[in-house]
């Protein structure tokens, strides 16, 4: 099992558009990934689960997963979360 922490960079947090892109990336990986904020966990492949965590800019989240290529998948997801998608 591997985990990575990320600080959310998007100005409006992980709202609908970046959350949808994040969830799509998680689902494309084929891994079962959990996202955690302040002790609350949700499946990272669920848009409702991710949005329910009310993740804002500057929040630190932890991604946890197990499986093949888990290190590279988590690294790419952290890069996604640490990019300001509202500035694009």
PDB file of N, CA and C in Angstrom:
ATOM      1  N   UNK A   1       0.849  -1.172   0.000  1.00  0.00           N
ATOM      2  CA  UNK A   1       0.000   0.000   0.000  1.00  0.00           C
ATOM      3  C   UNK A   1       0.895   1.235   0.000  1.00  0.00           C
ATOM      4  N   UNK A   2       0.496   2.234  -0.776  1.00  0.00           N
ATOM      5  CA  UNK A   2       1.266   3.475  -0.860  1.00  0.00           C
ATOM      6  C   UNK A   2       0.338   4.649  -0.623  1.00  0.00           C
ATOM      7  N   UNK A   3       0.914   5.743  -0.154  1.00  0.00           N
ATOM      8  CA  UNK A   3       0.111   6.951   0.038  1.00  0.00           C
ATOM      9  C   UNK A   3       0.946   8.173  -0.300  1.00  0.00           C
ATOM     10  N   UNK A   4       0.251   9.230  -0.664  1.00  0.00           N
ATOM     11  CA  UNK A   4       0.867  10.513  -0.981  1.00  0.00           C
ATOM     12  C   UNK A   4      -0.038  11.609  -0.439  1.00  0.00           C
ATOM     13  N   UNK A   5       0.579  12.698   0.001  1.00  0.00           N
ATOM     14  CA  UNK A   5      -0.181  13.875   0.424  1.00  0.00           C
ATOM     15  C   UNK A   5      -0.028  14.958  -0.625  1.00  0.00           C
ATOM     16  N   UNK A   6      -1.071  15.781  -0.754  1.00  0.00           N
ATOM     17  CA  UNK A   6      -1.056  16.881  -1.718  1.00  0.00           C
ATOM     18  C   UNK A   6      -1.778  18.072  -1.116  1.00  0.00           C
ATOM     19  N   UNK A   7      -1.295  19.258  -1.441  1.00  0.00           N
ATOM     20  CA  UNK A   7      -1.959  20.494  -1.047  1.00  0.00           C
ATOM     21  C   UNK A   7      -2.726  21.008  -2.260  1.00  0.00           C
ATOM     22  N   UNK A   8      -4.010  21.236  -2.090  1.00  0.00           N
ATOM     23  CA  UNK A   8      -4.880  21.634  -3.198  1.00  0.00           C
ATOM     24  C   UNK A   8      -4.530  23.041  -3.666  1.00  0.00           C
ATOM     25  N   UNK A   9      -4.268  23.174  -4.964  1.00  0.00           N
ATOM     26  CA  UNK A   9      -3.834  24.455  -5.519  1.00  0.00           C
ATOM     27  C   UNK A   9      -4.962  25.245  -6.176  1.00  0.00           C
ATOM     28  N   UNK A  10      -5.986  24.579  -6.692  1.00  0.00           N
ATOM     29  CA  UNK A  10      -7.040  25.297  -7.417  1.00  0.00           C
ATOM     30  C   UNK A  10      -7.699  26.336  -6.529  1.00  0.00           C
ATOM     31  N   UNK A  11      -7.864  27.533  -7.079  1.00  0.00           N
ATOM     32  CA  UNK A  11      -8.385  28.669  -6.327  1.00  0.00           C
ATOM     33  C   UNK A  11      -9.728  28.430  -5.670  1.00  0.00           C
ATOM     34  N   UNK A  12     -10.562  27.614  -6.283  1.00  0.00           N
ATOM     35  CA  UNK A  12     -11.881  27.317  -5.723  1.00  0.00           C
ATOM     36  C   UNK A  12     -11.943  25.907  -5.146  1.00  0.00           C
ATOM     37  N   UNK A  13     -10.792  25.309  -4.934  1.00  0.00           N
ATOM     38  CA  UNK A  13     -10.749  23.971  -4.366  1.00  0.00           C
ATOM     39  C   UNK A  13     -11.099  22.905  -5.384  1.00  0.00           C
ATOM     40  N   UNK A  14     -11.469  21.756  -4.890  1.00  0.00           N
ATOM     41  CA  UNK A  14     -11.801  20.625  -5.760  1.00  0.00           C
ATOM     42  C   UNK A  14     -13.306  20.642  -6.015  1.00  0.00           C
ATOM     43  N   UNK A  15     -13.757  21.667  -6.746  1.00  0.00           N
ATOM     44  CA  UNK A  15     -15.172  21.814  -7.087  1.00  0.00           C
ATOM     45  C   UNK A  15     -15.478  20.993  -8.338  1.00  0.00           C
ATOM     46  N   UNK A  16     -16.655  21.182  -8.906  1.00  0.00           N
ATOM     47  CA  UNK A  16     -17.189  20.296  -9.945  1.00  0.00           C
ATOM     48  C   UNK A  16     -16.229  19.960 -11.084  1.00  0.00           C
ATOM     49  N   UNK A  17     -15.693  20.957 -11.787  1.00  0.00           N
ATOM     50  CA  UNK A  17     -14.869  20.652 -12.963  1.00  0.00           C
ATOM     51  C   UNK A  17     -13.566  19.950 -12.592  1.00  0.00           C
ATOM     52  N   UNK A  18     -12.739  20.518 -11.691  1.00  0.00           N
ATOM     53  CA  UNK A  18     -11.512  19.787 -11.366  1.00  0.00           C
ATOM     54  C   UNK A  18     -11.784  18.456 -10.667  1.00  0.00           C
ATOM     55  N   UNK A  19     -12.858  18.379  -9.885  1.00  0.00           N
ATOM     56  CA  UNK A  19     -13.200  17.109  -9.233  1.00  0.00           C
ATOM     57  C   UNK A  19     -13.535  16.054 -10.278  1.00  0.00           C
ATOM     58  N   UNK A  20     -14.286  16.443 -11.304  1.00  0.00           N
ATOM     59  CA  UNK A  20     -14.651  15.498 -12.361  1.00  0.00           C
ATOM     60  C   UNK A  20     -13.410  15.017 -13.114  1.00  0.00           C
ATOM     61  N   UNK A  21     -12.492  15.933 -13.408  1.00  0.00           N
ATOM     62  CA  UNK A  21     -11.247  15.550 -14.088  1.00  0.00           C
ATOM     63  C   UNK A  21     -10.402  14.630 -13.212  1.00  0.00           C
ATOM     64  N   UNK A  22     -10.348  14.931 -11.915  1.00  0.00           N
ATOM     65  CA  UNK A  22      -9.603  14.099 -10.965  1.00  0.00           C
ATOM     66  C   UNK A  22     -10.197  12.694 -10.901  1.00  0.00           C
ATOM     67  N   UNK A  23     -11.518  12.609 -10.734  1.00  0.00           N
ATOM     68  CA  UNK A  23     -12.202  11.310 -10.639  1.00  0.00           C
ATOM     69  C   UNK A  23     -11.987  10.504 -11.920  1.00  0.00           C
ATOM     70  N   UNK A  24     -12.040  11.170 -13.074  1.00  0.00           N
ATOM     71  CA  UNK A  24     -11.810  10.477 -14.340  1.00  0.00           C
ATOM     72  C   UNK A  24     -10.398   9.890 -14.381  1.00  0.00           C
ATOM     73  N   UNK A  25      -9.419  10.661 -13.919  1.00  0.00           N
ATOM     74  CA  UNK A  25      -8.034  10.166 -13.878  1.00  0.00           C
ATOM     75  C   UNK A  25      -7.902   8.967 -12.946  1.00  0.00           C
ATOM     76  N   UNK A  26      -8.571   9.040 -11.807  1.00  0.00           N
ATOM     77  CA  UNK A  26      -8.558   7.917 -10.859  1.00  0.00           C
ATOM     78  C   UNK A  26      -9.154   6.683 -11.516  1.00  0.00           C
ATOM     79  N   UNK A  27     -10.314   6.832 -12.138  1.00  0.00           N
ATOM     80  CA  UNK A  27     -10.978   5.688 -12.757  1.00  0.00           C
ATOM     81  C   UNK A  27     -10.178   5.131 -13.931  1.00  0.00           C
ATOM     82  N   UNK A  28      -9.515   6.013 -14.686  1.00  0.00           N
ATOM     83  CA  UNK A  28      -8.673   5.557 -15.795  1.00  0.00           C
ATOM     84  C   UNK A  28      -7.492   4.720 -15.305  1.00  0.00           C
ATOM     85  N   UNK A  29      -7.057   4.946 -14.070  1.00  0.00           N
ATOM     86  CA  UNK A  29      -5.908   4.210 -13.528  1.00  0.00           C
ATOM     87  C   UNK A  29      -6.237   2.745 -13.258  1.00  0.00           C
ATOM     88  N   UNK A  30      -7.512   2.453 -13.029  1.00  0.00           N
ATOM     89  CA  UNK A  30      -7.915   1.093 -12.717  1.00  0.00           C
ATOM     90  C   UNK A  30      -7.634   0.674 -11.284  1.00  0.00           C
ATOM     91  N   UNK A  31      -7.119   1.598 -10.471  1.00  0.00           N
ATOM     92  CA  UNK A  31      -6.805   1.295  -9.077  1.00  0.00           C
ATOM     93  C   UNK A  31      -7.934   1.734  -8.153  1.00  0.00           C
ATOM     94  N   UNK A  32      -8.024   1.089  -7.018  1.00  0.00           N
ATOM     95  CA  UNK A  32      -8.939   1.522  -5.969  1.00  0.00           C
ATOM     96  C   UNK A  32      -8.169   2.508  -5.093  1.00  0.00           C
ATOM     97  N   UNK A  33      -8.554   3.781  -5.170  1.00  0.00           N
ATOM     98  CA  UNK A  33      -7.827   4.847  -4.479  1.00  0.00           C
ATOM     99  C   UNK A  33      -8.767   5.532  -3.504  1.00  0.00           C
ATOM    100  N   UNK A  34      -8.254   5.816  -2.324  1.00  0.00           N
ATOM    101  CA  UNK A  34      -9.009   6.526  -1.295  1.00  0.00           C
ATOM    102  C   UNK A  34      -8.421   7.916  -1.140  1.00  0.00           C
ATOM    103  N   UNK A  35      -9.301   8.915  -0.963  1.00  0.00           N
ATOM    104  CA  UNK A  35      -8.859  10.273  -0.675  1.00  0.00           C
ATOM    105  C   UNK A  35      -9.338  10.619   0.729  1.00  0.00           C
ATOM    106  N   UNK A  36      -8.464  11.240   1.515  1.00  0.00           N
ATOM    107  CA  UNK A  36      -8.782  11.543   2.919  1.00  0.00           C
ATOM    108  C   UNK A  36      -8.465  12.999   3.210  1.00  0.00           C
ATOM    109  N   UNK A  37      -9.388  13.648   3.908  1.00  0.00           N
ATOM    110  CA  UNK A  37      -9.193  15.024   4.376  1.00  0.00           C
ATOM    111  C   UNK A  37      -9.651  15.094   5.821  1.00  0.00           C
ATOM    112  N   UNK A  38      -8.756  15.499   6.698  1.00  0.00           N
ATOM    113  CA  UNK A  38      -9.068  15.697   8.116  1.00  0.00           C
ATOM    114  C   UNK A  38      -9.787  14.501   8.736  1.00  0.00           C
ATOM    115  N   UNK A  39      -9.314  13.294   8.412  1.00  0.00           N
ATOM    116  CA  UNK A  39      -9.869  12.082   8.999  1.00  0.00           C
ATOM    117  C   UNK A  39     -11.095  11.523   8.304  1.00  0.00           C
ATOM    118  N   UNK A  40     -11.630  12.244   7.322  1.00  0.00           N
ATOM    119  CA  UNK A  40     -12.787  11.753   6.558  1.00  0.00           C
ATOM    120  C   UNK A  40     -12.290  11.172   5.249  1.00  0.00           C
ATOM    121  N   UNK A  41     -12.735   9.965   4.929  1.00  0.00           N
ATOM    122  CA  UNK A  41     -12.297   9.276   3.717  1.00  0.00           C
ATOM    123  C   UNK A  41     -13.437   9.116   2.737  1.00  0.00           C
ATOM    124  N   UNK A  42     -13.065   9.036   1.456  1.00  0.00           N
ATOM    125  CA  UNK A  42     -14.039   8.772   0.398  1.00  0.00           C
ATOM    126  C   UNK A  42     -13.318   8.045  -0.730  1.00  0.00           C
ATOM    127  N   UNK A  43     -14.058   7.267  -1.508  1.00  0.00           N
ATOM    128  CA  UNK A  43     -13.437   6.655  -2.681  1.00  0.00           C
ATOM    129  C   UNK A  43     -13.109   7.756  -3.696  1.00  0.00           C
ATOM    130  N   UNK A  44     -11.860   7.822  -4.130  1.00  0.00           N
ATOM    131  CA  UNK A  44     -11.437   8.882  -5.047  1.00  0.00           C
ATOM    132  C   UNK A  44     -12.043   8.722  -6.437  1.00  0.00           C
ATOM    133  N   UNK A  45     -12.603   7.570  -6.731  1.00  0.00           N
ATOM    134  CA  UNK A  45     -13.249   7.338  -8.018  1.00  0.00           C
ATOM    135  C   UNK A  45     -14.720   7.700  -8.030  1.00  0.00           C
ATOM    136  N   UNK A  46     -15.197   8.325  -6.964  1.00  0.00           N
ATOM    137  CA  UNK A  46     -16.609   8.714  -6.851  1.00  0.00           C
ATOM    138  C   UNK A  46     -16.713  10.234  -6.797  1.00  0.00           C
ATOM    139  N   UNK A  47     -17.376  10.829  -7.788  1.00  0.00           N
ATOM    140  CA  UNK A  47     -17.529  12.284  -7.804  1.00  0.00           C
ATOM    141  C   UNK A  47     -18.272  12.764  -6.563  1.00  0.00           C
ATOM    142  N   UNK A  48     -19.303  12.046  -6.153  1.00  0.00           N
ATOM    143  CA  UNK A  48     -20.045  12.454  -4.956  1.00  0.00           C
ATOM    144  C   UNK A  48     -19.182  12.326  -3.707  1.00  0.00           C
ATOM    145  N   UNK A  49     -18.383  11.274  -3.647  1.00  0.00           N
ATOM    146  CA  UNK A  49     -17.488  11.099  -2.508  1.00  0.00           C
ATOM    147  C   UNK A  49     -16.468  12.214  -2.406  1.00  0.00           C
ATOM    148  N   UNK A  50     -15.872  12.575  -3.532  1.00  0.00           N
ATOM    149  CA  UNK A  50     -14.855  13.633  -3.547  1.00  0.00           C
ATOM    150  C   UNK A  50     -15.477  14.973  -3.181  1.00  0.00           C
ATOM    151  N   UNK A  51     -16.601  15.315  -3.799  1.00  0.00           N
ATOM    152  CA  UNK A  51     -17.247  16.606  -3.518  1.00  0.00           C
ATOM    153  C   UNK A  51     -17.738  16.671  -2.079  1.00  0.00           C
ATOM    154  N   UNK A  52     -18.162  15.534  -1.517  1.00  0.00           N
ATOM    155  CA  UNK A  52     -18.675  15.527  -0.139  1.00  0.00           C
ATOM    156  C   UNK A  52     -17.609  15.905   0.887  1.00  0.00           C
ATOM    157  N   UNK A  53     -16.339  15.790   0.518  1.00  0.00           N
ATOM    158  CA  UNK A  53     -15.263  16.152   1.443  1.00  0.00           C
ATOM    159  C   UNK A  53     -15.050  17.667   1.517  1.00  0.00           C
ATOM    160  N   UNK A  54     -15.702  18.432   0.636  1.00  0.00           N
ATOM    161  CA  UNK A  54     -15.602  19.904   0.632  1.00  0.00           C
ATOM    162  C   UNK A  54     -14.137  20.349   0.689  1.00  0.00           C
ATOM    163  N   UNK A  55     -13.378  19.929  -0.302  1.00  0.00           N
ATOM    164  CA  UNK A  55     -11.940  20.197  -0.346  1.00  0.00           C
ATOM    165  C   UNK A  55     -11.696  21.584  -0.929  1.00  0.00           C
ATOM    166  N   UNK A  56     -11.052  22.441  -0.151  1.00  0.00           N
ATOM    167  CA  UNK A  56     -10.794  23.824  -0.540  1.00  0.00           C
ATOM    168  C   UNK A  56      -9.326  24.052  -0.851  1.00  0.00           C
ATOM    169  N   UNK A  57      -9.043  25.204  -1.479  1.00  0.00           N
ATOM    170  CA  UNK A  57      -7.661  25.576  -1.758  1.00  0.00           C
ATOM    171  C   UNK A  57      -6.866  25.596  -0.452  1.00  0.00           C
ATOM    172  N   UNK A  58      -5.686  25.022  -0.490  1.00  0.00           N
ATOM    173  CA  UNK A  58      -4.818  24.983   0.682  1.00  0.00           C
ATOM    174  C   UNK A  58      -5.027  23.778   1.576  1.00  0.00           C
ATOM    175  N   UNK A  59      -6.130  23.047   1.384  1.00  0.00           N
ATOM    176  CA  UNK A  59      -6.353  21.830   2.169  1.00  0.00           C
ATOM    177  C   UNK A  59      -5.324  20.772   1.779  1.00  0.00           C
ATOM    178  N   UNK A  60      -4.941  19.971   2.751  1.00  0.00           N
ATOM    179  CA  UNK A  60      -4.033  18.852   2.493  1.00  0.00           C
ATOM    180  C   UNK A  60      -4.861  17.577   2.492  1.00  0.00           C
ATOM    181  N   UNK A  61      -4.735  16.809   1.422  1.00  0.00           N
ATOM    182  CA  UNK A  61      -5.433  15.532   1.314  1.00  0.00           C
ATOM    183  C   UNK A  61      -4.394  14.425   1.190  1.00  0.00           C
ATOM    184  N   UNK A  62      -4.802  13.218   1.551  1.00  0.00           N
ATOM    185  CA  UNK A  62      -3.932  12.056   1.420  1.00  0.00           C
ATOM    186  C   UNK A  62      -4.605  11.045   0.509  1.00  0.00           C
ATOM    187  N   UNK A  63      -3.867  10.592  -0.481  1.00  0.00           N
ATOM    188  CA  UNK A  63      -4.332   9.552  -1.394  1.00  0.00           C
ATOM    189  C   UNK A  63      -3.670   8.246  -0.995  1.00  0.00           C
ATOM    190  N   UNK A  64      -4.458   7.171  -0.945  1.00  0.00           N
ATOM    191  CA  UNK A  64      -3.942   5.857  -0.583  1.00  0.00           C
ATOM    192  C   UNK A  64      -4.435   4.845  -1.605  1.00  0.00           C
ATOM    193  N   UNK A  65      -3.534   3.970  -2.038  1.00  0.00           N
ATOM    194  CA  UNK A  65      -3.906   2.960  -3.031  1.00  0.00           C
ATOM    195  C   UNK A  65      -2.985   1.761  -2.923  1.00  0.00           C
ATOM    196  N   UNK A  66      -3.405   0.692  -3.553  1.00  0.00           N
ATOM    197  CA  UNK A  66      -2.633  -0.534  -3.609  1.00  0.00           C
ATOM    198  C   UNK A  66      -2.775  -1.085  -5.018  1.00  0.00           C
ATOM    199  N   UNK A  67      -1.729  -1.650  -5.552  1.00  0.00           N
ATOM    200  CA  UNK A  67      -1.821  -2.251  -6.870  1.00  0.00           C
ATOM    201  C   UNK A  67      -0.592  -1.995  -7.710  1.00  0.00           C
ATOM    202  N   UNK A  68      -0.706  -2.375  -8.981  1.00  0.00           N
ATOM    203  CA  UNK A  68       0.391  -2.242  -9.921  1.00  0.00           C
ATOM    204  C   UNK A  68       0.578  -0.787 -10.331  1.00  0.00           C
ATOM    205  N   UNK A  69       1.812  -0.355 -10.444  1.00  0.00           N
ATOM    206  CA  UNK A  69       2.155   1.017 -10.853  1.00  0.00           C
ATOM    207  C   UNK A  69       1.591   2.073  -9.916  1.00  0.00           C
ATOM    208  N   UNK A  70       1.320   1.692  -8.673  1.00  0.00           N
ATOM    209  CA  UNK A  70       0.666   2.599  -7.732  1.00  0.00           C
ATOM    210  C   UNK A  70       1.489   3.866  -7.497  1.00  0.00           C
ATOM    211  N   UNK A  71       2.804   3.731  -7.435  1.00  0.00           N
ATOM    212  CA  UNK A  71       3.655   4.895  -7.159  1.00  0.00           C
ATOM    213  C   UNK A  71       3.508   5.955  -8.247  1.00  0.00           C
ATOM    214  N   UNK A  72       3.593   5.552  -9.501  1.00  0.00           N
ATOM    215  CA  UNK A  72       3.508   6.521 -10.598  1.00  0.00           C
ATOM    216  C   UNK A  72       2.107   7.102 -10.724  1.00  0.00           C
ATOM    217  N   UNK A  73       1.090   6.297 -10.470  1.00  0.00           N
ATOM    218  CA  UNK A  73      -0.287   6.801 -10.522  1.00  0.00           C
ATOM    219  C   UNK A  73      -0.499   7.853  -9.442  1.00  0.00           C
ATOM    220  N   UNK A  74      -0.078   7.554  -8.219  1.00  0.00           N
ATOM    221  CA  UNK A  74      -0.247   8.525  -7.135  1.00  0.00           C
ATOM    222  C   UNK A  74       0.553   9.797  -7.404  1.00  0.00           C
ATOM    223  N   UNK A  75       1.752   9.655  -7.944  1.00  0.00           N
ATOM    224  CA  UNK A  75       2.557  10.837  -8.268  1.00  0.00           C
ATOM    225  C   UNK A  75       1.835  11.730  -9.275  1.00  0.00           C
ATOM    226  N   UNK A  76       1.236  11.134 -10.298  1.00  0.00           N
ATOM    227  CA  UNK A  76       0.540  11.944 -11.305  1.00  0.00           C
ATOM    228  C   UNK A  76      -0.718  12.585 -10.731  1.00  0.00           C
ATOM    229  N   UNK A  77      -1.409  11.895  -9.829  1.00  0.00           N
ATOM    230  CA  UNK A  77      -2.597  12.483  -9.200  1.00  0.00           C
ATOM    231  C   UNK A  77      -2.212  13.638  -8.275  1.00  0.00           C
ATOM    232  N   UNK A  78      -1.099  13.508  -7.567  1.00  0.00           N
ATOM    233  CA  UNK A  78      -0.618  14.602  -6.715  1.00  0.00           C
ATOM    234  C   UNK A  78      -0.281  15.816  -7.578  1.00  0.00           C
ATOM    235  N   UNK A  79       0.381  15.589  -8.698  1.00  0.00           N
ATOM    236  CA  UNK A  79       0.690  16.692  -9.615  1.00  0.00           C
ATOM    237  C   UNK A  79      -0.591  17.374 -10.072  1.00  0.00           C
ATOM    238  N   UNK A  80      -1.609  16.591 -10.381  1.00  0.00           N
ATOM    239  CA  UNK A  80      -2.900  17.160 -10.780  1.00  0.00           C
ATOM    240  C   UNK A  80      -3.468  18.041  -9.668  1.00  0.00           C
ATOM    241  N   UNK A  81      -3.490  17.526  -8.447  1.00  0.00           N
ATOM    242  CA  UNK A  81      -4.078  18.263  -7.328  1.00  0.00           C
ATOM    243  C   UNK A  81      -3.286  19.518  -6.979  1.00  0.00           C
ATOM    244  N   UNK A  82      -1.992  19.497  -7.226  1.00  0.00           N
ATOM    245  CA  UNK A  82      -1.149  20.639  -6.883  1.00  0.00           C
ATOM    246  C   UNK A  82      -1.011  21.637  -8.036  1.00  0.00           C
ATOM    247  N   UNK A  83      -1.882  21.510  -9.045  1.00  0.00           N
ATOM    248  CA  UNK A  83      -1.952  22.441 -10.171  1.00  0.00           C
ATOM    249  C   UNK A  83      -3.228  23.260 -10.037  1.00  0.00           C
ATOM    250  N   UNK A  84      -3.138  24.571 -10.272  1.00  0.00           N
ATOM    251  CA  UNK A  84      -4.315  25.442 -10.183  1.00  0.00           C
ATOM    252  C   UNK A  84      -5.112  25.350 -11.479  1.00  0.00           C
ATOM    253  N   UNK A  85      -6.145  24.522 -11.493  1.00  0.00           N
ATOM    254  CA  UNK A  85      -6.970  24.331 -12.687  1.00  0.00           C
ATOM    255  C   UNK A  85      -7.932  25.490 -12.912  1.00  0.00           C
ATOM    256  N   UNK A  86      -8.109  26.341 -11.926  1.00  0.00           N
ATOM    257  CA  UNK A  86      -8.962  27.512 -12.099  1.00  0.00           C
ATOM    258  C   UNK A  86      -8.229  28.615 -12.849  1.00  0.00           C
ATOM    259  N   UNK A  87      -6.914  28.534 -12.931  1.00  0.00           N
ATOM    260  CA  UNK A  87      -6.118  29.547 -13.631  1.00  0.00           C
ATOM    261  C   UNK A  87      -6.029  29.252 -15.126  1.00  0.00           C
ATOM    262  N   UNK A  88      -6.465  28.061 -15.531  1.00  0.00           N
ATOM    263  CA  UNK A  88      -6.359  27.656 -16.944  1.00  0.00           C
ATOM    264  C   UNK A  88      -7.476  28.234 -17.775  1.00  0.00           C
TER     265      UNK A  88
END
